C-alpha atoms as a PDB file:
ATOM      1  CA  MET A   1      22.744  26.246-157.576  1.00  0.00           C
ATOM      2  CA  ASP A   2      19.755  28.292-158.776  1.00  0.00           C
ATOM      3  CA  ASN A   3      18.029  25.340-160.407  1.00  0.00           C
ATOM      4  CA  VAL A   4      18.410  21.691-161.383  1.00  0.00           C
ATOM      5  CA  GLU A   5      19.312  22.608-164.984  1.00  0.00           C
ATOM      6  CA  ASP A   6      22.397  24.497-163.791  1.00  0.00           C
ATOM      7  CA  ALA A   7      23.548  21.512-161.736  1.00  0.00           C
ATOM      8  CA  THR A   8      22.945  19.124-164.648  1.00  0.00           C
ATOM      9  CA  SER A   9      24.864  21.367-167.065  1.00  0.00           C
ATOM     10  CA  ILE A  10      27.880  21.537-164.763  1.00  0.00           C
ATOM     11  CA  ALA A  11      27.845  17.757-164.242  1.00  0.00           C
ATOM     12  CA  MET A  12      27.800  17.215-168.009  1.00  0.00           C
ATOM     13  CA  LEU A  13      30.687  19.672-168.425  1.00  0.00           C
ATOM     14  CA  TRP A  14      32.818  17.728-165.966  1.00  0.00           C
ATOM     15  CA  ARG A  15      32.045  14.461-167.781  1.00  0.00           C
ATOM     16  CA  ASN A  16      32.910  16.014-171.145  1.00  0.00           C
ATOM     17  CA  LEU A  17      36.257  17.172-169.746  1.00  0.00           C
ATOM     18  CA  GLY A  18      37.009  13.630-168.647  1.00  0.00           C
ATOM     19  CA  MET A  19      37.007  14.602-164.983  1.00  0.00           C
ATOM     20  CA  SER A  20      35.899  12.072-162.387  1.00  0.00           C
ATOM     21  CA  ARG A  21      34.539  12.841-158.973  1.00  0.00           C
ATOM     22  CA  ILE A  22      37.400  13.169-156.487  1.00  0.00           C
ATOM     23  CA  SER A  23      37.280  10.613-153.695  1.00  0.00           C
ATOM     24  CA  ARG A  24      38.648  11.176-150.189  1.00  0.00           C
ATOM     25  CA  LYS A  25      40.529   7.884-150.539  1.00  0.00           C
ATOM     26  CA  GLY A  26      44.166   8.635-151.178  1.00  0.00           C
ATOM     27  CA  GLU A  27      43.959  12.278-150.094  1.00  0.00           C
ATOM     28  CA  PRO A  28      46.526  13.457-147.487  1.00  0.00           C
ATOM     29  CA  ARG A  29      45.119  13.811-143.968  1.00  0.00           C
ATOM     30  CA  PRO A  30      46.554  13.754-140.427  1.00  0.00           C
ATOM     31  CA  LYS A  31      46.593  10.454-138.576  1.00  0.00           C
ATOM     32  CA  ARG A  32      44.461  10.183-135.444  1.00  0.00           C
ATOM     33  CA  SER A  33      47.522   9.348-133.374  1.00  0.00           C
ATOM     34  CA  TYR A  34      51.169   9.492-134.252  1.00  0.00           C
ATOM     35  CA  ARG A  35      54.639  10.036-132.898  1.00  0.00           C
ATOM     36  CA  ILE A  36      57.271  11.810-134.945  1.00  0.00           C
ATOM     37  CA  PRO A  37      60.576   9.917-135.225  1.00  0.00           C
ATOM     38  CA  PRO A  38      63.855  11.789-134.709  1.00  0.00           C
ATOM     39  CA  ARG A  39      65.213  13.847-137.586  1.00  0.00           C
ATOM     40  CA  ALA A  40      68.171  12.427-139.445  1.00  0.00           C
ATOM     41  CA  GLU A  41      71.438  14.025-138.380  1.00  0.00           C
ATOM     42  CA  TYR A  42      74.365  14.407-140.727  1.00  0.00           C
ATOM     43  CA  PRO A  43      77.995  13.949-139.663  1.00  0.00           C
ATOM     44  CA  CYS A  44      80.282  16.876-140.252  1.00  0.00           C
ATOM     45  CA  ASP A  45      84.015  17.578-140.373  1.00  0.00           C
ATOM     46  CA  GLN A  46      83.595  21.246-139.526  1.00  0.00           C
ATOM     47  CA  ALA A  47      80.963  23.940-139.158  1.00  0.00           C
ATOM     48  CA  ILE A  48      81.124  27.368-140.759  1.00  0.00           C
ATOM     49  CA  ILE A  49      79.228  30.052-138.849  1.00  0.00           C
ATOM     50  CA  LEU A  50      77.438  32.383-141.255  1.00  0.00           C
ATOM     51  CA  LYS A  51      76.861  36.077-140.733  1.00  0.00           C
ATOM     52  CA  LYS A  52      73.402  37.208-139.698  1.00  0.00           C
ATOM     53  CA  PRO A  53      71.487  38.141-142.869  1.00  0.00           C
ATOM     54  CA  ARG A  54      71.505  41.826-143.666  1.00  0.00           C
ATOM     55  CA  ARG A  55      68.218  43.701-143.982  1.00  0.00           C
ATOM     56  CA  TYR A  56      67.308  45.669-147.074  1.00  0.00           C
ATOM     57  CA  LYS A  57      64.549  48.137-147.909  1.00  0.00           C
ATOM     58  CA  ILE A  58      63.011  46.677-151.035  1.00  0.00           C
ATOM     59  CA  ASP A  59      59.704  47.196-152.864  1.00  0.00           C
ATOM     60  CA  PHE A  60      58.016  43.787-152.704  1.00  0.00           C
ATOM     61  CA  PHE A  61      56.059  44.361-155.917  1.00  0.00           C
ATOM     62  CA  TYR A  62      59.303  45.250-157.689  1.00  0.00           C
ATOM     63  CA  VAL A  63      60.617  41.863-156.531  1.00  0.00           C
ATOM     64  CA  LEU A  64      57.586  40.091-158.020  1.00  0.00           C
ATOM     65  CA  ARG A  65      58.145  41.790-161.363  1.00  0.00           C
ATOM     66  CA  ARG A  66      61.879  41.053-161.334  1.00  0.00           C
ATOM     67  CA  ARG A  67      61.609  37.316-160.613  1.00  0.00           C
ATOM     68  CA  ALA A  68      62.996  35.273-163.499  1.00  0.00           C
ATOM     69  CA  SER A  69      64.951  32.142-164.413  1.00  0.00           C
ATOM     70  CA  ASP A  70      68.465  33.232-165.268  1.00  0.00           C
ATOM     71  CA  SER A  71      71.627  31.968-166.956  1.00  0.00           C
ATOM     72  CA  GLY A  72      75.254  33.078-167.177  1.00  0.00           C
ATOM     73  CA  PHE A  73      76.058  32.658-163.482  1.00  0.00           C
ATOM     74  CA  ARG A  74      79.075  34.161-161.734  1.00  0.00           C
ATOM     75  CA  PRO A  75      80.344  33.008-158.306  1.00  0.00           C
ATOM     76  CA  LEU A  76      78.591  33.890-155.063  1.00  0.00           C
ATOM     77  CA  SER A  77      80.518  35.368-152.159  1.00  0.00           C
ATOM     78  CA  LYS A  78      80.180  33.803-148.712  1.00  0.00           C
ATOM     79  CA  ASP A  79      78.245  36.863-147.473  1.00  0.00           C
ATOM     80  CA  GLN A  80      75.829  36.702-150.422  1.00  0.00           C
ATOM     81  CA  LEU A  81      75.180  33.022-149.706  1.00  0.00           C
ATOM     82  CA  ALA A  82      74.670  33.832-146.006  1.00  0.00           C
ATOM     83  CA  ASP A  83      72.141  36.544-146.863  1.00  0.00           C
ATOM     84  CA  PHE A  84      70.245  34.251-149.209  1.00  0.00           C
ATOM     85  CA  LEU A  85      70.110  31.307-146.797  1.00  0.00           C
ATOM     86  CA  GLY A  86      69.238  33.559-143.878  1.00  0.00           C
ATOM     87  CA  HIS A  87      66.268  35.175-145.590  1.00  0.00           C
ATOM     88  CA  ALA A  88      64.969  32.213-147.610  1.00  0.00           C
ATOM     89  CA  LEU A  89      65.626  29.096-145.516  1.00  0.00           C
ATOM     90  CA  ARG A  90      66.602  29.995-141.937  1.00  0.00           C
ATOM     91  CA  THR A  91      64.446  28.809-139.017  1.00  0.00           C
ATOM     92  CA  THR A  92      63.151  31.879-137.170  1.00  0.00           C
ATOM     93  CA  ASP A  93      61.085  30.077-134.507  1.00  0.00           C
ATOM     94  CA  ALA A  94      60.939  26.519-133.179  1.00  0.00           C
ATOM     95  CA  ARG A  95      59.349  24.454-130.415  1.00  0.00           C
ATOM     96  CA  ARG A  96      59.083  20.779-129.488  1.00  0.00           C
ATOM     97  CA  GLU A  97      55.554  19.359-129.375  1.00  0.00           C
ATOM     98  CA  PRO A  98      54.384  16.326-127.310  1.00  0.00           C
ATOM     99  CA  SER A  99      54.421  14.155-130.449  1.00  0.00           C
ATOM    100  CA  GLY A 100      58.185  14.680-130.712  1.00  0.00           C
ATOM    101  CA  LEU A 101      57.779  17.067-133.637  1.00  0.00           C
ATOM    102  CA  ILE A 102      60.131  20.021-133.706  1.00  0.00           C
ATOM    103  CA  TRP A 103      57.703  22.585-135.113  1.00  0.00           C
ATOM    104  CA  GLN A 104      59.489  25.284-137.088  1.00  0.00           C
ATOM    105  CA  HIS A 105      58.656  28.586-138.702  1.00  0.00           C
ATOM    106  CA  LYS A 106      60.458  29.684-141.855  1.00  0.00           C
ATOM    107  CA  ALA A 107      59.761  32.128-144.668  1.00  0.00           C
ATOM    108  CA  TYR A 108      57.890  29.417-146.587  1.00  0.00           C
ATOM    109  CA  PRO A 109      55.023  27.188-145.342  1.00  0.00           C
ATOM    110  CA  SER A 110      55.289  23.456-144.714  1.00  0.00           C
ATOM    111  CA  ALA A 111      52.643  20.815-144.022  1.00  0.00           C
ATOM    112  CA  GLY A 112      52.210  20.556-140.254  1.00  0.00           C
ATOM    113  CA  GLY A 113      55.158  22.870-139.629  1.00  0.00           C
ATOM    114  CA  ILE A 114      57.399  19.828-140.062  1.00  0.00           C
ATOM    115  CA  HIS A 115      59.799  21.302-142.634  1.00  0.00           C
ATOM    116  CA  PRO A 116      61.183  17.881-143.622  1.00  0.00           C
ATOM    117  CA  ILE A 117      63.281  19.238-146.514  1.00  0.00           C
ATOM    118  CA  ASP A 118      66.987  19.837-145.908  1.00  0.00           C
ATOM    119  CA  THR A 119      69.324  21.951-148.035  1.00  0.00           C
ATOM    120  CA  PHE A 120      72.733  20.880-149.309  1.00  0.00           C
ATOM    121  CA  ILE A 121      75.260  23.230-150.918  1.00  0.00           C
ATOM    122  CA  LEU A 122      77.352  21.972-153.852  1.00  0.00           C
ATOM    123  CA  ASN A 123      80.017  23.601-156.035  1.00  0.00           C
ATOM    124  CA  PHE A 124      80.807  26.296-153.481  1.00  0.00           C
ATOM    125  CA  PRO A 125      83.197  27.825-154.207  1.00  0.00           C
ATOM    126  CA  PRO A 126      83.117  26.901-157.928  1.00  0.00           C
ATOM    127  CA  GLY A 127      85.082  23.731-158.649  1.00  0.00           C
ATOM    128  CA  SER A 128      84.998  22.552-155.038  1.00  0.00           C
ATOM    129  CA  ARG A 129      84.036  18.928-154.390  1.00  0.00           C
ATOM    130  CA  SER A 130      83.012  19.786-150.824  1.00  0.00           C
ATOM    131  CA  VAL A 131      79.377  19.277-149.845  1.00  0.00           C
ATOM    132  CA  TYR A 132      77.745  21.318-147.092  1.00  0.00           C
ATOM    133  CA  PHE A 133      74.533  20.780-145.151  1.00  0.00           C
ATOM    134  CA  TYR A 134      72.763  24.003-144.202  1.00  0.00           C
ATOM    135  CA  ASN A 135      71.771  23.916-140.531  1.00  0.00           C
ATOM    136  CA  SER A 136      68.773  26.253-140.564  1.00  0.00           C
ATOM    137  CA  LEU A 137      68.435  26.277-136.765  1.00  0.00           C
ATOM    138  CA  GLY A 138      71.993  27.482-136.201  1.00  0.00           C
ATOM    139  CA  HIS A 139      72.488  29.308-139.534  1.00  0.00           C
ATOM    140  CA  THR A 140      75.687  27.373-140.201  1.00  0.00           C
ATOM    141  CA  LEU A 141      77.196  25.291-142.997  1.00  0.00           C
ATOM    142  CA  LYS A 142      78.306  21.801-141.942  1.00  0.00           C
ATOM    143  CA  LYS A 143      80.840  20.120-144.225  1.00  0.00           C
ATOM    144  CA  LEU A 144      80.102  16.439-144.871  1.00  0.00           C
ATOM    145  CA  PRO A 145      82.987  13.955-144.609  1.00  0.00           C
ATOM    146  CA  ASP A 146      84.198  12.612-147.963  1.00  0.00           C
ATOM    147  CA  GLU A 147      82.656   9.159-147.437  1.00  0.00           C
ATOM    148  CA  TYR A 148      79.207  10.753-147.120  1.00  0.00           C
ATOM    149  CA  SER A 149      79.580  13.264-149.934  1.00  0.00           C
ATOM    150  CA  ARG A 150      80.739  10.963-152.773  1.00  0.00           C
ATOM    151  CA  SER A 151      77.283  10.328-154.190  1.00  0.00           C
ATOM    152  CA  LEU A 152      76.486  14.059-154.038  1.00  0.00           C
ATOM    153  CA  CYS A 153      79.686  14.828-155.963  1.00  0.00           C
ATOM    154  CA  LEU A 154      78.230  12.630-158.729  1.00  0.00           C
ATOM    155  CA  LEU A 155      75.028  14.661-158.548  1.00  0.00           C
ATOM    156  CA  ARG A 156      77.093  17.838-158.950  1.00  0.00           C
ATOM    157  CA  GLN A 157      78.789  16.396-162.047  1.00  0.00           C
ATOM    158  CA  ASN A 158      75.471  15.393-163.620  1.00  0.00           C
ATOM    159  CA  ALA A 159      73.915  18.783-162.882  1.00  0.00           C
ATOM    160  CA  LEU A 160      76.859  20.521-164.561  1.00  0.00           C
ATOM    161  CA  LYS A 161      76.380  18.328-167.641  1.00  0.00           C
ATOM    162  CA  ILE A 162      72.711  19.303-167.851  1.00  0.00           C
ATOM    163  CA  ARG A 163      73.349  23.009-167.288  1.00  0.00           C
ATOM    164  CA  LYS A 164      76.855  24.122-168.199  1.00  0.00           C
ATOM    165  CA  GLU A 165      77.148  26.742-165.492  1.00  0.00           C
ATOM    166  CA  PRO A 166      80.496  25.944-163.821  1.00  0.00           C
ATOM    167  CA  HIS A 167      80.429  29.082-161.639  1.00  0.00           C
ATOM    168  CA  ALA A 168      76.939  28.515-160.204  1.00  0.00           C
ATOM    169  CA  THR A 169      76.367  27.341-156.645  1.00  0.00           C
ATOM    170  CA  PHE A 170      73.915  24.445-156.454  1.00  0.00           C
ATOM    171  CA  LEU A 171      71.391  24.227-153.631  1.00  0.00           C
ATOM    172  CA  TRP A 172      69.860  20.776-153.496  1.00  0.00           C
ATOM    173  CA  PHE A 173      66.782  19.896-151.467  1.00  0.00           C
ATOM    174  CA  ALA A 174      66.376  16.478-149.848  1.00  0.00           C
ATOM    175  CA  ALA A 175      63.234  15.371-148.026  1.00  0.00           C
ATOM    176  CA  GLN A 176      63.236  13.353-144.837  1.00  0.00           C
ATOM    177  CA  SER A 177      59.997  11.770-145.944  1.00  0.00           C
ATOM    178  CA  HIS A 178      59.705   9.532-142.852  1.00  0.00           C
ATOM    179  CA  LEU A 179      58.878  12.671-140.821  1.00  0.00           C
ATOM    180  CA  THR A 180      55.846  13.677-142.891  1.00  0.00           C
ATOM    181  CA  ALA A 181      54.811  10.021-143.271  1.00  0.00           C
ATOM    182  CA  ALA A 182      54.628   9.684-139.489  1.00  0.00           C
ATOM    183  CA  LYS A 183      51.937  12.384-139.216  1.00  0.00           C
ATOM    184  CA  TYR A 184      50.000  12.103-142.473  1.00  0.00           C
ATOM    185  CA  LEU A 185      48.289   9.352-144.425  1.00  0.00           C
ATOM    186  CA  HIS A 186      48.986   9.533-148.177  1.00  0.00           C
ATOM    187  CA  PHE A 187      51.704  12.077-147.464  1.00  0.00           C
ATOM    188  CA  GLU A 188      53.583  12.048-150.783  1.00  0.00           C
ATOM    189  CA  SER A 189      51.995  15.083-152.420  1.00  0.00           C
ATOM    190  CA  LEU A 190      52.683  17.161-149.300  1.00  0.00           C
ATOM    191  CA  LEU A 191      56.424  16.814-149.885  1.00  0.00           C
ATOM    192  CA  TRP A 192      56.096  18.145-153.430  1.00  0.00           C
ATOM    193  CA  ARG A 193      54.006  21.060-152.203  1.00  0.00           C
ATOM    194  CA  ASP A 194      56.704  21.819-149.642  1.00  0.00           C
ATOM    195  CA  ALA A 195      59.322  21.707-152.406  1.00  0.00           C
ATOM    196  CA  GLY A 196      57.279  24.099-154.536  1.00  0.00           C
ATOM    197  CA  CYS A 197      57.044  26.544-151.633  1.00  0.00           C
ATOM    198  CA  ILE A 198      60.827  26.416-151.115  1.00  0.00           C
ATOM    199  CA  ILE A 199      61.614  27.025-154.777  1.00  0.00           C
ATOM    200  CA  THR A 200      59.145  29.906-155.065  1.00  0.00           C
ATOM    201  CA  THR A 201      60.586  31.544-151.955  1.00  0.00           C
ATOM    202  CA  ALA A 202      64.126  31.003-153.278  1.00  0.00           C
ATOM    203  CA  TYR A 203      63.262  32.818-156.505  1.00  0.00           C
ATOM    204  CA  LEU A 204      61.741  35.777-154.669  1.00  0.00           C
ATOM    205  CA  VAL A 205      64.622  36.139-152.216  1.00  0.00           C
ATOM    206  CA  ALA A 206      67.130  35.867-155.060  1.00  0.00           C
ATOM    207  CA  ALA A 207      65.282  38.618-156.932  1.00  0.00           C
ATOM    208  CA  ALA A 208      65.255  40.797-153.808  1.00  0.00           C
ATOM    209  CA  LEU A 209      69.014  40.327-153.328  1.00  0.00           C
ATOM    210  CA  LYS A 210      69.686  40.871-157.061  1.00  0.00           C
ATOM    211  CA  LEU A 211      71.055  37.338-157.431  1.00  0.00           C
ATOM    212  CA  LYS A 212      70.493  34.976-160.348  1.00  0.00           C
ATOM    213  CA  CYS A 213      68.415  31.848-159.771  1.00  0.00           C
ATOM    214  CA  CYS A 214      67.220  28.943-161.911  1.00  0.00           C
ATOM    215  CA  THR A 215      65.449  25.695-161.076  1.00  0.00           C
ATOM    216  CA  LEU A 216      66.962  22.417-162.254  1.00  0.00           C
ATOM    217  CA  GLY A 217      64.720  19.827-163.884  1.00  0.00           C
ATOM    218  CA  ILE A 218      66.137  16.717-162.209  1.00  0.00           C
ATOM    219  CA  THR A 219      65.169  15.679-158.673  1.00  0.00           C
ATOM    220  CA  GLY A 220      68.393  13.903-157.642  1.00  0.00           C
ATOM    221  CA  LYS A 221      66.097  11.374-155.972  1.00  0.00           C
ATOM    222  CA  ASP A 222      68.505   8.503-155.297  1.00  0.00           C
ATOM    223  CA  TYR A 223      71.736  10.373-154.584  1.00  0.00           C
ATOM    224  CA  PHE A 224      70.867  11.031-150.937  1.00  0.00           C
ATOM    225  CA  ALA A 225      70.023   7.444-149.940  1.00  0.00           C
ATOM    226  CA  PRO A 226      73.572   6.765-148.583  1.00  0.00           C
ATOM    227  CA  LEU A 227      72.990   9.471-145.950  1.00  0.00           C
ATOM    228  CA  ALA A 228      70.022   7.629-144.416  1.00  0.00           C
ATOM    229  CA  ARG A 229      70.268   5.261-141.475  1.00  0.00           C
ATOM    230  CA  LYS A 230      67.874   2.452-140.564  1.00  0.00           C
ATOM    231  CA  GLY A 231      64.283   3.704-140.393  1.00  0.00           C
ATOM    232  CA  GLU A 232      65.100   6.914-142.259  1.00  0.00           C
ATOM    233  CA  GLN A 233      64.242   7.820-145.817  1.00  0.00           C
ATOM    234  CA  ILE A 234      66.068  10.699-147.488  1.00  0.00           C
ATOM    235  CA  GLU A 235      65.474  11.500-151.142  1.00  0.00           C
ATOM    236  CA  GLY A 236      66.351  14.320-153.473  1.00  0.00           C
ATOM    237  CA  ILE A 237      63.419  16.509-154.403  1.00  0.00           C
ATOM    238  CA  GLY A 238      64.965  19.079-156.728  1.00  0.00           C
ATOM    239  CA  GLY A 239      67.480  21.890-156.715  1.00  0.00           C
ATOM    240  CA  ILE A 240      68.350  25.365-157.927  1.00  0.00           C
ATOM    241  CA  MET A 241      71.382  27.200-159.284  1.00  0.00           C
ATOM    242  CA  LEU A 242      72.364  30.428-157.614  1.00  0.00           C
ATOM    243  CA  GLY A 243      74.909  33.083-158.555  1.00  0.00           C
ATOM    244  CA  THR A 244      75.454  36.696-159.530  1.00  0.00           C
END
């Protein structure tokens, strides 16, 4: 500050705006010592190996201008879904750290490289009651057994009531919050930042691939609880519609 008057003026402005001084208490920060618990694993009836994502020559600034929330979805093909997942959500590098953390690199950032948010595919193909987990390390779709997918079929029905887009594929994101909680104090906001990074990346990749994309307003928070075992916490954190 150049002088005391400047500092006083700014302090008065903050008070007039109803802002209070931010305290460190409650802010996310790494723990001094921690050990990451194992990731939740999902049972599967079968695995579908996806094609390696195709590369395209695209003007990035054109993609930024084209990004939009769309409606009037038509069905995705398997190859279009593979391209989208491969560019937006696939793990491109990974290593195990002494803490037990499997550090990953993806197109979007994540607090601590944990990437605690998993992706589930619903309504693919349109009308299907099958639910798939996207394995980002192997670039495969793993079909959940019926007893594990019932609650997510209800989520699909509710999403279709909110947005009447019967031909859209739904990608739903679920956070393994126990992973981030193991490393960070006051971790909750980090999960929402991770979710925001995923959704932004999804929009940009969809625009690049000339696919339609739209975020859904509901989180689906409680629908994933039946997938968790003792010591695990899995909760819905939002989803998107995808189509052509």
